[in-house]
Amino acid sequence: MNWVQRKIYLYNVTFGLYMLDWWERCAFNTLVIVLMWFVLRYVAEFFKRKILTLVVTWGFKIVAAGEFGIAHWGISCRSLIWTEMEHLEAAK
């Protein structure tokens, strides 16, 4: 029994899947995969919002320098960031 087979066996015994039919195991595993997808999606969205909040709160912004589009970090006040965000939303 190699390492992967041992881990699958441990998973089946831990969750009691060894006593289920093949289609019941498939349904359970599908449910687990879908739930994990939603959890990972929520965590990714949570951290994306947290990072955006920190960027806006601390007043950091990325400024395009000239025509070449060289980005650098600039510090500005909140009102300037909100004005730029409103300008971008109005342009959509």
C-alpha atoms as a PDB file:
ATOM      1  CA  MET A   1       0.000   0.000   0.000  1.00  0.00           C
ATOM      2  CA  ASN A   2       1.609   3.257  -1.110  1.00  0.00           C
ATOM      3  CA  TRP A   3       1.238   6.678   0.528  1.00  0.00           C
ATOM      4  CA  VAL A   4      -1.739   7.847  -1.596  1.00  0.00           C
ATOM      5  CA  GLN A   5      -3.703   4.630  -1.029  1.00  0.00           C
ATOM      6  CA  ARG A   6      -3.011   4.916   2.700  1.00  0.00           C
ATOM      7  CA  LYS A   7      -4.349   8.503   2.780  1.00  0.00           C
ATOM      8  CA  ILE A   8      -7.489   7.491   0.848  1.00  0.00           C
ATOM      9  CA  TYR A   9      -8.022   4.591   3.248  1.00  0.00           C
ATOM     10  CA  LEU A  10      -7.549   6.914   6.250  1.00  0.00           C
ATOM     11  CA  TYR A  11     -10.087   9.373   4.739  1.00  0.00           C
ATOM     12  CA  ASN A  12     -12.624   6.560   4.180  1.00  0.00           C
ATOM     13  CA  VAL A  13     -12.223   5.206   7.713  1.00  0.00           C
ATOM     14  CA  THR A  14     -12.230   8.629   9.384  1.00  0.00           C
ATOM     15  CA  PHE A  15     -15.498   9.733   7.791  1.00  0.00           C
ATOM     16  CA  GLY A  16     -17.123   6.304   7.774  1.00  0.00           C
ATOM     17  CA  LEU A  17     -17.214   6.055   3.998  1.00  0.00           C
ATOM     18  CA  TYR A  18     -15.925   2.497   3.916  1.00  0.00           C
ATOM     19  CA  MET A  19     -19.410   1.140   4.653  1.00  0.00           C
ATOM     20  CA  LEU A  20     -21.109   3.092   1.820  1.00  0.00           C
ATOM     21  CA  ASP A  21     -21.699   1.971  -1.755  1.00  0.00           C
ATOM     22  CA  TRP A  22     -19.624   3.479  -4.521  1.00  0.00           C
ATOM     23  CA  TRP A  23     -22.361   5.910  -5.617  1.00  0.00           C
ATOM     24  CA  GLU A  24     -22.962   7.080  -2.023  1.00  0.00           C
ATOM     25  CA  ARG A  25     -19.239   7.741  -1.636  1.00  0.00           C
ATOM     26  CA  CYS A  26     -19.276   9.654  -4.912  1.00  0.00           C
ATOM     27  CA  ALA A  27     -22.240  11.781  -3.757  1.00  0.00           C
ATOM     28  CA  PHE A  28     -20.549  12.503  -0.413  1.00  0.00           C
ATOM     29  CA  ASN A  29     -17.239  13.420  -2.062  1.00  0.00           C
ATOM     30  CA  THR A  30     -19.039  15.697  -4.521  1.00  0.00           C
ATOM     31  CA  LEU A  31     -20.751  17.451  -1.623  1.00  0.00           C
ATOM     32  CA  VAL A  32     -17.410  17.882   0.160  1.00  0.00           C
ATOM     33  CA  ILE A  33     -15.794  19.319  -2.984  1.00  0.00           C
ATOM     34  CA  VAL A  34     -18.663  21.790  -3.526  1.00  0.00           C
ATOM     35  CA  LEU A  35     -18.546  22.923   0.112  1.00  0.00           C
ATOM     36  CA  MET A  36     -14.766  23.362  -0.054  1.00  0.00           C
ATOM     37  CA  TRP A  37     -15.209  25.433  -3.239  1.00  0.00           C
ATOM     38  CA  PHE A  38     -17.636  27.783  -1.464  1.00  0.00           C
ATOM     39  CA  VAL A  39     -15.360  28.101   1.566  1.00  0.00           C
ATOM     40  CA  LEU A  40     -12.319  28.901  -0.571  1.00  0.00           C
ATOM     41  CA  ARG A  41     -14.328  31.387  -2.609  1.00  0.00           C
ATOM     42  CA  TYR A  42     -15.539  33.125   0.552  1.00  0.00           C
ATOM     43  CA  VAL A  43     -12.038  33.267   2.036  1.00  0.00           C
ATOM     44  CA  ALA A  44     -10.606  34.712  -1.189  1.00  0.00           C
ATOM     45  CA  GLU A  45     -13.350  37.360  -1.356  1.00  0.00           C
ATOM     46  CA  PHE A  46     -12.886  38.197   2.339  1.00  0.00           C
ATOM     47  CA  PHE A  47      -9.156  38.794   1.946  1.00  0.00           C
ATOM     48  CA  LYS A  48      -9.673  40.755  -1.271  1.00  0.00           C
ATOM     49  CA  ARG A  49     -12.057  43.106   0.542  1.00  0.00           C
ATOM     50  CA  LYS A  50      -9.743  43.318   3.556  1.00  0.00           C
ATOM     51  CA  ILE A  51      -6.795  44.302   1.362  1.00  0.00           C
ATOM     52  CA  LEU A  52      -8.893  46.895  -0.494  1.00  0.00           C
ATOM     53  CA  THR A  53     -10.046  48.356   2.831  1.00  0.00           C
ATOM     54  CA  LEU A  54      -6.478  48.562   4.103  1.00  0.00           C
ATOM     55  CA  VAL A  55      -5.295  50.222   0.892  1.00  0.00           C
ATOM     56  CA  VAL A  56      -8.058  52.847   1.008  1.00  0.00           C
ATOM     57  CA  THR A  57      -7.733  53.404   4.757  1.00  0.00           C
ATOM     58  CA  TRP A  58      -3.974  53.851   4.736  1.00  0.00           C
ATOM     59  CA  GLY A  59      -4.123  56.077   1.698  1.00  0.00           C
ATOM     60  CA  PHE A  60      -1.865  54.133  -0.629  1.00  0.00           C
ATOM     61  CA  LYS A  61      -2.526  54.233  -4.305  1.00  0.00           C
ATOM     62  CA  ILE A  62      -0.835  53.186  -7.505  1.00  0.00           C
ATOM     63  CA  VAL A  63      -0.104  56.087  -9.785  1.00  0.00           C
ATOM     64  CA  ALA A  64       0.705  55.695 -13.454  1.00  0.00           C
ATOM     65  CA  ALA A  65       3.821  57.728 -14.178  1.00  0.00           C
ATOM     66  CA  GLY A  66       3.524  59.375 -17.566  1.00  0.00           C
ATOM     67  CA  GLU A  67       2.750  57.666 -20.851  1.00  0.00           C
ATOM     68  CA  PHE A  68       4.951  54.677 -20.120  1.00  0.00           C
ATOM     69  CA  GLY A  69       2.636  53.335 -17.405  1.00  0.00           C
ATOM     70  CA  ILE A  70       5.387  52.814 -14.856  1.00  0.00           C
ATOM     71  CA  ALA A  71       3.605  52.185 -11.573  1.00  0.00           C
ATOM     72  CA  HIS A  72       4.894  53.369  -8.221  1.00  0.00           C
ATOM     73  CA  TRP A  73       3.390  53.686  -4.750  1.00  0.00           C
ATOM     74  CA  GLY A  74       2.241  57.135  -3.772  1.00  0.00           C
ATOM     75  CA  ILE A  75       0.726  58.365  -0.529  1.00  0.00           C
ATOM     76  CA  SER A  76      -2.289  60.607  -0.766  1.00  0.00           C
ATOM     77  CA  CYS A  77      -5.206  61.593   1.393  1.00  0.00           C
ATOM     78  CA  ARG A  78      -8.490  59.680   1.518  1.00  0.00           C
ATOM     79  CA  SER A  79     -10.456  62.370  -0.291  1.00  0.00           C
ATOM     80  CA  LEU A  80      -8.221  62.129  -3.351  1.00  0.00           C
ATOM     81  CA  ILE A  81      -8.653  58.356  -3.467  1.00  0.00           C
ATOM     82  CA  TRP A  82     -12.435  58.617  -3.110  1.00  0.00           C
ATOM     83  CA  THR A  83     -12.513  61.283  -5.844  1.00  0.00           C
ATOM     84  CA  GLU A  84     -10.553  59.021  -8.175  1.00  0.00           C
ATOM     85  CA  MET A  85     -12.800  56.052  -7.349  1.00  0.00           C
ATOM     86  CA  GLU A  86     -15.908  58.144  -8.120  1.00  0.00           C
ATOM     87  CA  HIS A  87     -14.302  59.299 -11.376  1.00  0.00           C
ATOM     88  CA  LEU A  88     -13.604  55.692 -12.399  1.00  0.00           C
ATOM     89  CA  GLU A  89     -17.168  54.631 -11.528  1.00  0.00           C
ATOM     90  CA  ALA A  90     -18.627  57.534 -13.525  1.00  0.00           C
ATOM     91  CA  ALA A  91     -16.514  56.555 -16.520  1.00  0.00           C
ATOM     92  CA  LYS A  92     -18.027  53.068 -16.639  1.00  0.00           C
END
